[in-house]
PDB file of N, CA and C in Angstrom:
ATOM      1  N   MET A   1      43.314 -26.524 -23.245  1.00  0.00           N
ATOM      2  CA  MET A   1      42.839 -27.592 -22.396  1.00  0.00           C
ATOM      3  C   MET A   1      41.355 -27.835 -22.620  1.00  0.00           C
ATOM      4  N   ARG A   2      40.968 -29.085 -22.610  1.00  0.00           N
ATOM      5  CA  ARG A   2      39.554 -29.410 -22.704  1.00  0.00           C
ATOM      6  C   ARG A   2      38.881 -29.094 -21.377  1.00  0.00           C
ATOM      7  N   LYS A   3      37.568 -28.975 -21.429  1.00  0.00           N
ATOM      8  CA  LYS A   3      36.802 -28.648 -20.229  1.00  0.00           C
ATOM      9  C   LYS A   3      37.052 -29.673 -19.128  1.00  0.00           C
ATOM     10  N   GLU A   4      37.075 -30.943 -19.488  1.00  0.00           N
ATOM     11  CA  GLU A   4      37.305 -31.997 -18.510  1.00  0.00           C
ATOM     12  C   GLU A   4      38.669 -31.832 -17.864  1.00  0.00           C
ATOM     13  N   ASP A   5      39.673 -31.521 -18.650  1.00  0.00           N
ATOM     14  CA  ASP A   5      41.016 -31.329 -18.119  1.00  0.00           C
ATOM     15  C   ASP A   5      41.055 -30.163 -17.136  1.00  0.00           C
ATOM     16  N   GLN A   6      40.329 -29.091 -17.435  1.00  0.00           N
ATOM     17  CA  GLN A   6      40.282 -27.944 -16.531  1.00  0.00           C
ATOM     18  C   GLN A   6      39.609 -28.329 -15.224  1.00  0.00           C
ATOM     19  N   ALA A   7      38.536 -29.106 -15.306  1.00  0.00           N
ATOM     20  CA  ALA A   7      37.833 -29.537 -14.100  1.00  0.00           C
ATOM     21  C   ALA A   7      38.733 -30.422 -13.249  1.00  0.00           C
ATOM     22  N   THR A   8      39.476 -31.293 -13.893  1.00  0.00           N
ATOM     23  CA  THR A   8      40.386 -32.175 -13.164  1.00  0.00           C
ATOM     24  C   THR A   8      41.507 -31.360 -12.521  1.00  0.00           C
ATOM     25  N   SER A   9      42.071 -30.422 -13.258  1.00  0.00           N
ATOM     26  CA  SER A   9      43.133 -29.569 -12.711  1.00  0.00           C
ATOM     27  C   SER A   9      42.639 -28.758 -11.516  1.00  0.00           C
ATOM     28  N   ARG A  10      41.443 -28.212 -11.650  1.00  0.00           N
ATOM     29  CA  ARG A  10      40.853 -27.432 -10.564  1.00  0.00           C
ATOM     30  C   ARG A  10      40.638 -28.307  -9.327  1.00  0.00           C
ATOM     31  N   ALA A  11      40.132 -29.510  -9.553  1.00  0.00           N
ATOM     32  CA  ALA A  11      39.879 -30.430  -8.447  1.00  0.00           C
ATOM     33  C   ALA A  11      41.184 -30.822  -7.758  1.00  0.00           C
ATOM     34  N   LYS A  12      42.187 -31.167  -8.551  1.00  0.00           N
ATOM     35  CA  LYS A  12      43.476 -31.538  -7.975  1.00  0.00           C
ATOM     36  C   LYS A  12      44.057 -30.389  -7.163  1.00  0.00           C
ATOM     37  N   SER A  13      43.985 -29.192  -7.700  1.00  0.00           N
ATOM     38  CA  SER A  13      44.528 -28.023  -7.021  1.00  0.00           C
ATOM     39  C   SER A  13      43.815 -27.770  -5.691  1.00  0.00           C
ATOM     40  N   GLN A  14      42.481 -27.813  -5.699  1.00  0.00           N
ATOM     41  CA  GLN A  14      41.751 -27.535  -4.468  1.00  0.00           C
ATOM     42  C   GLN A  14      42.034 -28.585  -3.399  1.00  0.00           C
ATOM     43  N   LEU A  15      42.255 -29.819  -3.813  1.00  0.00           N
ATOM     44  CA  LEU A  15      42.479 -30.878  -2.834  1.00  0.00           C
ATOM     45  C   LEU A  15      43.949 -31.034  -2.454  1.00  0.00           C
ATOM     46  N   GLY A  16      44.802 -30.141  -2.951  1.00  0.00           N
ATOM     47  CA  GLY A  16      46.175 -30.087  -2.458  1.00  0.00           C
ATOM     48  C   GLY A  16      47.257 -30.637  -3.355  1.00  0.00           C
ATOM     49  N   TRP A  17      46.901 -31.014  -4.577  1.00  0.00           N
ATOM     50  CA  TRP A  17      47.933 -31.483  -5.500  1.00  0.00           C
ATOM     51  C   TRP A  17      48.269 -30.385  -6.480  1.00  0.00           C
ATOM     52  N   GLY A  18      49.549 -30.240  -6.737  1.00  0.00           N
ATOM     53  CA  GLY A  18      50.013 -29.251  -7.703  1.00  0.00           C
ATOM     54  C   GLY A  18      51.160 -29.833  -8.501  1.00  0.00           C
ATOM     55  N   GLU A  19      51.842 -28.976  -9.218  1.00  0.00           N
ATOM     56  CA  GLU A  19      52.963 -29.434 -10.036  1.00  0.00           C
ATOM     57  C   GLU A  19      54.088 -30.004  -9.185  1.00  0.00           C
ATOM     58  N   ASP A  20      54.195 -29.532  -7.944  1.00  0.00           N
ATOM     59  CA  ASP A  20      55.289 -29.969  -7.078  1.00  0.00           C
ATOM     60  C   ASP A  20      55.050 -31.336  -6.440  1.00  0.00           C
ATOM     61  N   ASN A  21      53.824 -31.865  -6.512  1.00  0.00           N
ATOM     62  CA  ASN A  21      53.569 -33.177  -5.913  1.00  0.00           C
ATOM     63  C   ASN A  21      52.717 -34.078  -6.816  1.00  0.00           C
ATOM     64  N   GLU A  22      52.994 -34.024  -8.090  1.00  0.00           N
ATOM     65  CA  GLU A  22      52.275 -34.842  -9.076  1.00  0.00           C
ATOM     66  C   GLU A  22      52.464 -36.332  -8.803  1.00  0.00           C
ATOM     67  N   ASP A  23      53.636 -36.716  -8.307  1.00  0.00           N
ATOM     68  CA  ASP A  23      53.875 -38.128  -7.996  1.00  0.00           C
ATOM     69  C   ASP A  23      52.929 -38.635  -6.913  1.00  0.00           C
ATOM     70  N   GLU A  24      52.642 -37.786  -5.930  1.00  0.00           N
ATOM     71  CA  GLU A  24      51.714 -38.181  -4.874  1.00  0.00           C
ATOM     72  C   GLU A  24      50.312 -38.392  -5.439  1.00  0.00           C
ATOM     73  N   TYR A  25      49.929 -37.575  -6.425  1.00  0.00           N
ATOM     74  CA  TYR A  25      48.628 -37.759  -7.073  1.00  0.00           C
ATOM     75  C   TYR A  25      48.588 -39.100  -7.794  1.00  0.00           C
ATOM     76  N   ARG A  26      49.670 -39.429  -8.484  1.00  0.00           N
ATOM     77  CA  ARG A  26      49.723 -40.719  -9.191  1.00  0.00           C
ATOM     78  C   ARG A  26      49.647 -41.883  -8.204  1.00  0.00           C
ATOM     79  N   LYS A  27      50.333 -41.746  -7.068  1.00  0.00           N
ATOM     80  CA  LYS A  27      50.260 -42.792  -6.043  1.00  0.00           C
ATOM     81  C   LYS A  27      48.830 -42.934  -5.538  1.00  0.00           C
ATOM     82  N   TRP A  28      48.151 -41.812  -5.294  1.00  0.00           N
ATOM     83  CA  TRP A  28      46.754 -41.835  -4.839  1.00  0.00           C
ATOM     84  C   TRP A  28      45.898 -42.583  -5.853  1.00  0.00           C
ATOM     85  N   ARG A  29      46.093 -42.267  -7.127  1.00  0.00           N
ATOM     86  CA  ARG A  29      45.323 -42.934  -8.180  1.00  0.00           C
ATOM     87  C   ARG A  29      45.604 -44.436  -8.192  1.00  0.00           C
ATOM     88  N   ARG A  30      46.872 -44.822  -7.992  1.00  0.00           N
ATOM     89  CA  ARG A  30      47.189 -46.258  -7.961  1.00  0.00           C
ATOM     90  C   ARG A  30      46.511 -46.941  -6.774  1.00  0.00           C
ATOM     91  N   HIS A  31      46.505 -46.286  -5.616  1.00  0.00           N
ATOM     92  CA  HIS A  31      45.808 -46.836  -4.447  1.00  0.00           C
ATOM     93  C   HIS A  31      44.325 -47.034  -4.758  1.00  0.00           C
ATOM     94  N   LEU A  32      43.718 -46.023  -5.402  1.00  0.00           N
ATOM     95  CA  LEU A  32      42.302 -46.135  -5.764  1.00  0.00           C
ATOM     96  C   LEU A  32      42.064 -47.291  -6.726  1.00  0.00           C
ATOM     97  N   LYS A  33      42.953 -47.433  -7.697  1.00  0.00           N
ATOM     98  CA  LYS A  33      42.797 -48.492  -8.696  1.00  0.00           C
ATOM     99  C   LYS A  33      42.817 -49.867  -8.031  1.00  0.00           C
ATOM    100  N   VAL A  34      43.756 -50.082  -7.139  1.00  0.00           N
ATOM    101  CA  VAL A  34      43.855 -51.374  -6.447  1.00  0.00           C
ATOM    102  C   VAL A  34      42.594 -51.626  -5.621  1.00  0.00           C
ATOM    103  N   HIS A  35      42.174 -50.608  -4.874  1.00  0.00           N
ATOM    104  CA  HIS A  35      40.966 -50.747  -4.053  1.00  0.00           C
ATOM    105  C   HIS A  35      39.747 -51.047  -4.932  1.00  0.00           C
ATOM    106  N   ALA A  36      39.634 -50.331  -6.029  1.00  0.00           N
ATOM    107  CA  ALA A  36      38.497 -50.531  -6.933  1.00  0.00           C
ATOM    108  C   ALA A  36      38.509 -51.939  -7.527  1.00  0.00           C
ATOM    109  N   LEU A  37      39.667 -52.410  -7.939  1.00  0.00           N
ATOM    110  CA  LEU A  37      39.768 -53.762  -8.496  1.00  0.00           C
ATOM    111  C   LEU A  37      39.404 -54.816  -7.459  1.00  0.00           C
ATOM    112  N   MET A  38      39.915 -54.645  -6.253  1.00  0.00           N
ATOM    113  CA  MET A  38      39.647 -55.624  -5.194  1.00  0.00           C
ATOM    114  C   MET A  38      38.162 -55.657  -4.821  1.00  0.00           C
ATOM    115  N   ASN A  39      37.482 -54.531  -4.975  1.00  0.00           N
ATOM    116  CA  ASN A  39      36.081 -54.432  -4.579  1.00  0.00           C
ATOM    117  C   ASN A  39      35.123 -54.384  -5.768  1.00  0.00           C
ATOM    118  N   LYS A  40      35.667 -54.653  -6.952  1.00  0.00           N
ATOM    119  CA  LYS A  40      34.873 -54.697  -8.192  1.00  0.00           C
ATOM    120  C   LYS A  40      34.083 -53.406  -8.429  1.00  0.00           C
ATOM    121  N   ILE A  41      34.730 -52.272  -8.194  1.00  0.00           N
ATOM    122  CA  ILE A  41      34.117 -50.967  -8.437  1.00  0.00           C
ATOM    123  C   ILE A  41      34.630 -50.467  -9.777  1.00  0.00           C
ATOM    124  N   THR A  42      33.711 -50.281 -10.719  1.00  0.00           N
ATOM    125  CA  THR A  42      34.105 -49.793 -12.038  1.00  0.00           C
ATOM    126  C   THR A  42      33.530 -48.415 -12.331  1.00  0.00           C
ATOM    127  N   GLY A  43      32.643 -47.944 -11.487  1.00  0.00           N
ATOM    128  CA  GLY A  43      32.017 -46.635 -11.649  1.00  0.00           C
ATOM    129  C   GLY A  43      30.964 -46.457 -10.570  1.00  0.00           C
ATOM    130  N   ARG A  44      30.324 -45.308 -10.568  1.00  0.00           N
ATOM    131  CA  ARG A  44      29.296 -45.057  -9.553  1.00  0.00           C
ATOM    132  C   ARG A  44      28.060 -45.911  -9.811  1.00  0.00           C
ATOM    133  N   ARG A  45      27.681 -46.006 -11.067  1.00  0.00           N
ATOM    134  CA  ARG A  45      26.534 -46.852 -11.418  1.00  0.00           C
ATOM    135  C   ARG A  45      26.892 -48.309 -11.158  1.00  0.00           C
ATOM    136  N   GLY A  46      25.977 -49.011 -10.582  1.00  0.00           N
ATOM    137  CA  GLY A  46      26.210 -50.422 -10.307  1.00  0.00           C
ATOM    138  C   GLY A  46      26.984 -50.676  -9.033  1.00  0.00           C
ATOM    139  N   THR A  47      27.340 -49.622  -8.327  1.00  0.00           N
ATOM    140  CA  THR A  47      28.048 -49.758  -7.060  1.00  0.00           C
ATOM    141  C   THR A  47      27.078 -49.379  -5.948  1.00  0.00           C
ATOM    142  N   SER A  48      26.969 -50.232  -4.955  1.00  0.00           N
ATOM    143  CA  SER A  48      26.043 -49.940  -3.859  1.00  0.00           C
ATOM    144  C   SER A  48      26.482 -48.682  -3.116  1.00  0.00           C
ATOM    145  N   ASN A  49      25.549 -48.055  -2.434  1.00  0.00           N
ATOM    146  CA  ASN A  49      25.881 -46.863  -1.649  1.00  0.00           C
ATOM    147  C   ASN A  49      26.926 -47.185  -0.590  1.00  0.00           C
ATOM    148  N   THR A  50      26.810 -48.345   0.029  1.00  0.00           N
ATOM    149  CA  THR A  50      27.770 -48.750   1.060  1.00  0.00           C
ATOM    150  C   THR A  50      29.174 -48.883   0.471  1.00  0.00           C
ATOM    151  N   ALA A  51      29.272 -49.556  -0.672  1.00  0.00           N
ATOM    152  CA  ALA A  51      30.576 -49.740  -1.318  1.00  0.00           C
ATOM    153  C   ALA A  51      31.142 -48.399  -1.777  1.00  0.00           C
ATOM    154  N   TRP A  52      30.281 -47.502  -2.291  1.00  0.00           N
ATOM    155  CA  TRP A  52      30.754 -46.199  -2.752  1.00  0.00           C
ATOM    156  C   TRP A  52      31.250 -45.354  -1.585  1.00  0.00           C
ATOM    157  N   GLU A  53      30.520 -45.378  -0.483  1.00  0.00           N
ATOM    158  CA  GLU A  53      30.951 -44.624   0.704  1.00  0.00           C
ATOM    159  C   GLU A  53      32.281 -45.161   1.228  1.00  0.00           C
ATOM    160  N   ALA A  54      32.453 -46.482   1.190  1.00  0.00           N
ATOM    161  CA  ALA A  54      33.725 -47.079   1.615  1.00  0.00           C
ATOM    162  C   ALA A  54      34.851 -46.666   0.669  1.00  0.00           C
ATOM    163  N   PHE A  55      34.557 -46.576  -0.624  1.00  0.00           N
ATOM    164  CA  PHE A  55      35.538 -46.137  -1.615  1.00  0.00           C
ATOM    165  C   PHE A  55      35.956 -44.687  -1.343  1.00  0.00           C
ATOM    166  N   LYS A  56      34.972 -43.833  -1.065  1.00  0.00           N
ATOM    167  CA  LYS A  56      35.279 -42.431  -0.754  1.00  0.00           C
ATOM    168  C   LYS A  56      36.104 -42.328   0.531  1.00  0.00           C
ATOM    169  N   ALA A  57      35.735 -43.103   1.541  1.00  0.00           N
ATOM    170  CA  ALA A  57      36.492 -43.085   2.804  1.00  0.00           C
ATOM    171  C   ALA A  57      37.928 -43.552   2.566  1.00  0.00           C
ATOM    172  N   PHE A  58      38.091 -44.573   1.747  1.00  0.00           N
ATOM    173  CA  PHE A  58      39.417 -45.063   1.400  1.00  0.00           C
ATOM    174  C   PHE A  58      40.227 -43.964   0.722  1.00  0.00           C
ATOM    175  N   ALA A  59      39.591 -43.263  -0.215  1.00  0.00           N
ATOM    176  CA  ALA A  59      40.268 -42.189  -0.953  1.00  0.00           C
ATOM    177  C   ALA A  59      40.717 -41.067  -0.027  1.00  0.00           C
ATOM    178  N   MET A  60      39.957 -40.832   1.043  1.00  0.00           N
ATOM    179  CA  MET A  60      40.268 -39.737   1.959  1.00  0.00           C
ATOM    180  C   MET A  60      41.255 -40.134   3.059  1.00  0.00           C
ATOM    181  N   ASP A  61      41.599 -41.390   3.150  1.00  0.00           N
ATOM    182  CA  ASP A  61      42.508 -41.868   4.192  1.00  0.00           C
ATOM    183  C   ASP A  61      43.911 -41.294   3.970  1.00  0.00           C
ATOM    184  N   SER A  62      44.512 -40.827   5.034  1.00  0.00           N
ATOM    185  CA  SER A  62      45.843 -40.209   4.934  1.00  0.00           C
ATOM    186  C   SER A  62      46.895 -41.191   4.420  1.00  0.00           C
ATOM    187  N   LYS A  63      46.709 -42.472   4.609  1.00  0.00           N
ATOM    188  CA  LYS A  63      47.678 -43.468   4.146  1.00  0.00           C
ATOM    189  C   LYS A  63      47.699 -43.578   2.627  1.00  0.00           C
ATOM    190  N   ASN A  64      46.714 -42.999   1.962  1.00  0.00           N
ATOM    191  CA  ASN A  64      46.604 -43.149   0.514  1.00  0.00           C
ATOM    192  C   ASN A  64      47.014 -41.908  -0.271  1.00  0.00           C
ATOM    193  N   GLU A  65      47.800 -41.046   0.356  1.00  0.00           N
ATOM    194  CA  GLU A  65      48.440 -39.903  -0.321  1.00  0.00           C
ATOM    195  C   GLU A  65      47.549 -38.687  -0.577  1.00  0.00           C
ATOM    196  N   LEU A  66      46.333 -38.638  -0.021  1.00  0.00           N
ATOM    197  CA  LEU A  66      45.536 -37.413  -0.153  1.00  0.00           C
ATOM    198  C   LEU A  66      46.175 -36.352   0.734  1.00  0.00           C
ATOM    199  N   PRO A  67      46.539 -35.195   0.186  1.00  0.00           N
ATOM    200  CA  PRO A  67      47.181 -34.152   0.994  1.00  0.00           C
ATOM    201  C   PRO A  67      46.319 -33.742   2.195  1.00  0.00           C
ATOM    202  N   SER A  68      46.985 -33.366   3.261  1.00  0.00           N
ATOM    203  CA  SER A  68      46.260 -33.011   4.484  1.00  0.00           C
ATOM    204  C   SER A  68      45.316 -31.836   4.260  1.00  0.00           C
ATOM    205  N   SER A  69      45.688 -30.904   3.385  1.00  0.00           N
ATOM    206  CA  SER A  69      44.801 -29.764   3.119  1.00  0.00           C
ATOM    207  C   SER A  69      43.502 -30.239   2.476  1.00  0.00           C
ATOM    208  N   GLY A  70      43.582 -31.220   1.606  1.00  0.00           N
ATOM    209  CA  GLY A  70      42.385 -31.779   0.977  1.00  0.00           C
ATOM    210  C   GLY A  70      41.533 -32.532   1.985  1.00  0.00           C
ATOM    211  N   ARG A  71      42.174 -33.333   2.841  1.00  0.00           N
ATOM    212  CA  ARG A  71      41.425 -34.068   3.876  1.00  0.00           C
ATOM    213  C   ARG A  71      40.713 -33.102   4.808  1.00  0.00           C
ATOM    214  N   LYS A  72      41.405 -32.023   5.165  1.00  0.00           N
ATOM    215  CA  LYS A  72      40.806 -31.035   6.076  1.00  0.00           C
ATOM    216  C   LYS A  72      39.558 -30.406   5.451  1.00  0.00           C
ATOM    217  N   LEU A  73      39.650 -30.033   4.183  1.00  0.00           N
ATOM    218  CA  LEU A  73      38.490 -29.465   3.480  1.00  0.00           C
ATOM    219  C   LEU A  73      37.321 -30.439   3.426  1.00  0.00           C
ATOM    220  N   LEU A  74      37.627 -31.691   3.121  1.00  0.00           N
ATOM    221  CA  LEU A  74      36.574 -32.687   2.961  1.00  0.00           C
ATOM    222  C   LEU A  74      35.923 -33.068   4.284  1.00  0.00           C
ATOM    223  N   LYS A  75      36.662 -32.930   5.367  1.00  0.00           N
ATOM    224  CA  LYS A  75      36.112 -33.297   6.678  1.00  0.00           C
ATOM    225  C   LYS A  75      35.432 -32.134   7.382  1.00  0.00           C
ATOM    226  N   SER A  76      35.589 -30.937   6.848  1.00  0.00           N
ATOM    227  CA  SER A  76      34.999 -29.757   7.475  1.00  0.00           C
ATOM    228  C   SER A  76      33.476 -29.819   7.416  1.00  0.00           C
ATOM    229  N   ALA A  77      32.842 -29.640   8.569  1.00  0.00           N
ATOM    230  CA  ALA A  77      31.371 -29.659   8.624  1.00  0.00           C
ATOM    231  C   ALA A  77      30.777 -28.458   7.895  1.00  0.00           C
ATOM    232  N   LYS A  78      31.534 -27.365   7.819  1.00  0.00           N
ATOM    233  CA  LYS A  78      31.050 -26.146   7.167  1.00  0.00           C
ATOM    234  C   LYS A  78      31.238 -26.166   5.662  1.00  0.00           C
ATOM    235  N   GLY A  79      31.986 -27.120   5.153  1.00  0.00           N
ATOM    236  CA  GLY A  79      32.289 -27.125   3.726  1.00  0.00           C
ATOM    237  C   GLY A  79      33.417 -26.145   3.445  1.00  0.00           C
ATOM    238  N   ASP A  80      33.438 -25.590   2.256  1.00  0.00           N
ATOM    239  CA  ASP A  80      34.475 -24.627   1.903  1.00  0.00           C
ATOM    240  C   ASP A  80      33.831 -23.340   1.415  1.00  0.00           C
ATOM    241  N   LYS A  81      34.657 -22.371   1.123  1.00  0.00           N
ATOM    242  CA  LYS A  81      34.156 -21.041   0.758  1.00  0.00           C
ATOM    243  C   LYS A  81      33.378 -21.028  -0.562  1.00  0.00           C
ATOM    244  N   ASP A  82      33.535 -22.048  -1.370  1.00  0.00           N
ATOM    245  CA  ASP A  82      32.840 -22.116  -2.661  1.00  0.00           C
ATOM    246  C   ASP A  82      31.542 -22.919  -2.592  1.00  0.00           C
ATOM    247  N   GLY A  83      30.955 -23.017  -1.422  1.00  0.00           N
ATOM    248  CA  GLY A  83      29.709 -23.772  -1.312  1.00  0.00           C
ATOM    249  C   GLY A  83      29.935 -25.271  -1.337  1.00  0.00           C
ATOM    250  N   ASP A  84      31.022 -25.699  -0.731  1.00  0.00           N
ATOM    251  CA  ASP A  84      31.363 -27.111  -0.612  1.00  0.00           C
ATOM    252  C   ASP A  84      31.735 -27.758  -1.941  1.00  0.00           C
ATOM    253  N   LYS A  85      32.459 -27.042  -2.762  1.00  0.00           N
ATOM    254  CA  LYS A  85      32.931 -27.580  -4.042  1.00  0.00           C
ATOM    255  C   LYS A  85      33.953 -28.702  -3.830  1.00  0.00           C
ATOM    256  N   ALA A  86      34.603 -28.735  -2.666  1.00  0.00           N
ATOM    257  CA  ALA A  86      35.623 -29.761  -2.429  1.00  0.00           C
ATOM    258  C   ALA A  86      35.037 -31.159  -2.586  1.00  0.00           C
ATOM    259  N   HIS A  87      33.837 -31.386  -2.053  1.00  0.00           N
ATOM    260  CA  HIS A  87      33.219 -32.704  -2.187  1.00  0.00           C
ATOM    261  C   HIS A  87      32.880 -33.006  -3.648  1.00  0.00           C
ATOM    262  N   GLU A  88      32.383 -32.013  -4.363  1.00  0.00           N
ATOM    263  CA  GLU A  88      32.076 -32.208  -5.778  1.00  0.00           C
ATOM    264  C   GLU A  88      33.348 -32.515  -6.561  1.00  0.00           C
ATOM    265  N   ARG A  89      34.418 -31.817  -6.231  1.00  0.00           N
ATOM    266  CA  ARG A  89      35.670 -32.014  -6.960  1.00  0.00           C
ATOM    267  C   ARG A  89      36.317 -33.347  -6.607  1.00  0.00           C
ATOM    268  N   CYS A  90      36.191 -33.758  -5.362  1.00  0.00           N
ATOM    269  CA  CYS A  90      36.688 -35.081  -4.980  1.00  0.00           C
ATOM    270  C   CYS A  90      35.897 -36.154  -5.734  1.00  0.00           C
ATOM    271  N   HIS A  91      34.601 -36.002  -5.791  1.00  0.00           N
ATOM    272  CA  HIS A  91      33.740 -36.938  -6.532  1.00  0.00           C
ATOM    273  C   HIS A  91      34.175 -36.986  -8.000  1.00  0.00           C
ATOM    274  N   HIS A  92      34.465 -35.825  -8.572  1.00  0.00           N
ATOM    275  CA  HIS A  92      34.930 -35.756  -9.965  1.00  0.00           C
ATOM    276  C   HIS A  92      36.225 -36.559 -10.129  1.00  0.00           C
ATOM    277  N   LEU A  93      37.175 -36.402  -9.198  1.00  0.00           N
ATOM    278  CA  LEU A  93      38.445 -37.116  -9.311  1.00  0.00           C
ATOM    279  C   LEU A  93      38.256 -38.622  -9.154  1.00  0.00           C
ATOM    280  N   LEU A  94      37.348 -39.029  -8.283  1.00  0.00           N
ATOM    281  CA  LEU A  94      37.074 -40.459  -8.131  1.00  0.00           C
ATOM    282  C   LEU A  94      36.531 -41.038  -9.437  1.00  0.00           C
ATOM    283  N   LEU A  95      35.544 -40.357 -10.011  1.00  0.00           N
ATOM    284  CA  LEU A  95      34.962 -40.825 -11.271  1.00  0.00           C
ATOM    285  C   LEU A  95      35.981 -40.792 -12.402  1.00  0.00           C
ATOM    286  N   ASP A  96      36.796 -39.728 -12.437  1.00  0.00           N
ATOM    287  CA  ASP A  96      37.820 -39.591 -13.470  1.00  0.00           C
ATOM    288  C   ASP A  96      38.840 -40.723 -13.366  1.00  0.00           C
ATOM    289  N   SER A  97      39.219 -41.053 -12.156  1.00  0.00           N
ATOM    290  CA  SER A  97      40.173 -42.132 -11.935  1.00  0.00           C
ATOM    291  C   SER A  97      39.623 -43.465 -12.449  1.00  0.00           C
ATOM    292  N   LEU A  98      38.373 -43.753 -12.101  1.00  0.00           N
ATOM    293  CA  LEU A  98      37.756 -45.002 -12.554  1.00  0.00           C
ATOM    294  C   LEU A  98      37.616 -45.029 -14.079  1.00  0.00           C
ATOM    295  N   LYS A  99      37.252 -43.886 -14.660  1.00  0.00           N
ATOM    296  CA  LYS A  99      37.104 -43.795 -16.115  1.00  0.00           C
ATOM    297  C   LYS A  99      38.440 -44.050 -16.806  1.00  0.00           C
ATOM    298  N   LYS A 100      39.502 -43.451 -16.300  1.00  0.00           N
ATOM    299  CA  LYS A 100      40.824 -43.634 -16.909  1.00  0.00           C
ATOM    300  C   LYS A 100      41.296 -45.072 -16.763  1.00  0.00           C
ATOM    301  N   ASP A 101      40.945 -45.711 -15.638  1.00  0.00           N
ATOM    302  CA  ASP A 101      41.300 -47.124 -15.473  1.00  0.00           C
ATOM    303  C   ASP A 101      40.581 -47.985 -16.506  1.00  0.00           C
ATOM    304  N   ARG A 102      39.296 -47.698 -16.748  1.00  0.00           N
ATOM    305  CA  ARG A 102      38.538 -48.446 -17.765  1.00  0.00           C
ATOM    306  C   ARG A 102      39.147 -48.230 -19.148  1.00  0.00           C
ATOM    307  N   GLU A 103      39.504 -46.975 -19.464  1.00  0.00           N
ATOM    308  CA  GLU A 103      40.096 -46.666 -20.768  1.00  0.00           C
ATOM    309  C   GLU A 103      41.423 -47.395 -20.955  1.00  0.00           C
ATOM    310  N   THR A 104      42.210 -47.481 -19.898  1.00  0.00           N
ATOM    311  CA  THR A 104      43.492 -48.183 -19.962  1.00  0.00           C
ATOM    312  C   THR A 104      43.275 -49.666 -20.240  1.00  0.00           C
ATOM    313  N   GLU A 105      42.285 -50.257 -19.578  1.00  0.00           N
ATOM    314  CA  GLU A 105      41.974 -51.670 -19.808  1.00  0.00           C
ATOM    315  C   GLU A 105      41.593 -51.907 -21.263  1.00  0.00           C
ATOM    316  N   VAL A 106      40.787 -51.009 -21.833  1.00  0.00           N
ATOM    317  CA  VAL A 106      40.371 -51.149 -23.229  1.00  0.00           C
ATOM    318  C   VAL A 106      41.590 -51.044 -24.142  1.00  0.00           C
ATOM    319  N   LYS A 107      42.443 -50.054 -23.909  1.00  0.00           N
ATOM    320  CA  LYS A 107      43.639 -49.880 -24.749  1.00  0.00           C
ATOM    321  C   LYS A 107      44.548 -51.092 -24.663  1.00  0.00           C
ATOM    322  N   GLU A 108      44.737 -51.603 -23.443  1.00  0.00           N
ATOM    323  CA  GLU A 108      45.596 -52.785 -23.278  1.00  0.00           C
ATOM    324  C   GLU A 108      44.978 -53.992 -23.970  1.00  0.00           C
ATOM    325  N   GLY A 109      43.658 -54.113 -23.890  1.00  0.00           N
ATOM    326  CA  GLY A 109      42.968 -55.215 -24.573  1.00  0.00           C
ATOM    327  C   GLY A 109      43.120 -55.128 -26.078  1.00  0.00           C
ATOM    328  N   LEU A 110      42.994 -53.917 -26.609  1.00  0.00           N
ATOM    329  CA  LEU A 110      43.164 -53.722 -28.051  1.00  0.00           C
ATOM    330  C   LEU A 110      44.603 -54.012 -28.478  1.00  0.00           C
ATOM    331  N   ALA A 111      45.557 -53.607 -27.648  1.00  0.00           N
ATOM    332  CA  ALA A 111      46.964 -53.863 -27.971  1.00  0.00           C
ATOM    333  C   ALA A 111      47.248 -55.363 -27.956  1.00  0.00           C
ATOM    334  N   ASP A 112      46.678 -56.091 -26.987  1.00  0.00           N
ATOM    335  CA  ASP A 112      46.855 -57.540 -26.930  1.00  0.00           C
ATOM    336  C   ASP A 112      46.251 -58.207 -28.168  1.00  0.00           C
ATOM    337  N   THR A 113      45.098 -57.745 -28.595  1.00  0.00           N
ATOM    338  CA  THR A 113      44.424 -58.296 -29.762  1.00  0.00           C
ATOM    339  C   THR A 113      45.264 -58.051 -31.018  1.00  0.00           C
ATOM    340  N   ALA A 114      45.852 -56.870 -31.113  1.00  0.00           N
ATOM    341  CA  ALA A 114      46.657 -56.527 -32.295  1.00  0.00           C
ATOM    342  C   ALA A 114      47.913 -57.389 -32.365  1.00  0.00           C
ATOM    343  N   LEU A 115      48.443 -57.814 -31.230  1.00  0.00           N
ATOM    344  CA  LEU A 115      49.661 -58.629 -31.208  1.00  0.00           C
ATOM    345  C   LEU A 115      49.401 -60.076 -31.579  1.00  0.00           C
ATOM    346  N   GLN A 116      48.161 -60.493 -31.485  1.00  0.00           N
ATOM    347  CA  GLN A 116      47.849 -61.899 -31.764  1.00  0.00           C
ATOM    348  C   GLN A 116      47.693 -62.162 -33.238  1.00  0.00           C
TER     349      GLN A 116
END
């Protein structure tokens, strides 16, 4: 596994996703993608603090498939036993999701160009 893949796996695991609920993770990512598209969020850079905070709040909403264990960790005033790594890992997953969405757009664009 590449370092990035390990970081993503670690983040998913800490926030409550595992092999038994991979579909819920995919649903969460789809919810994020729709929200990001509707709000023109393509990454942290170029996104206002207000819009980014709203994006994070959206990601943490129970209606968007974030496991309750992950929500509990992220809402804890004390953080977690690892010095509040949950917030860092959630941030990593948000950025990773946006990055993968951008990569998909590029691949689809290249595929469309090749068909023409």
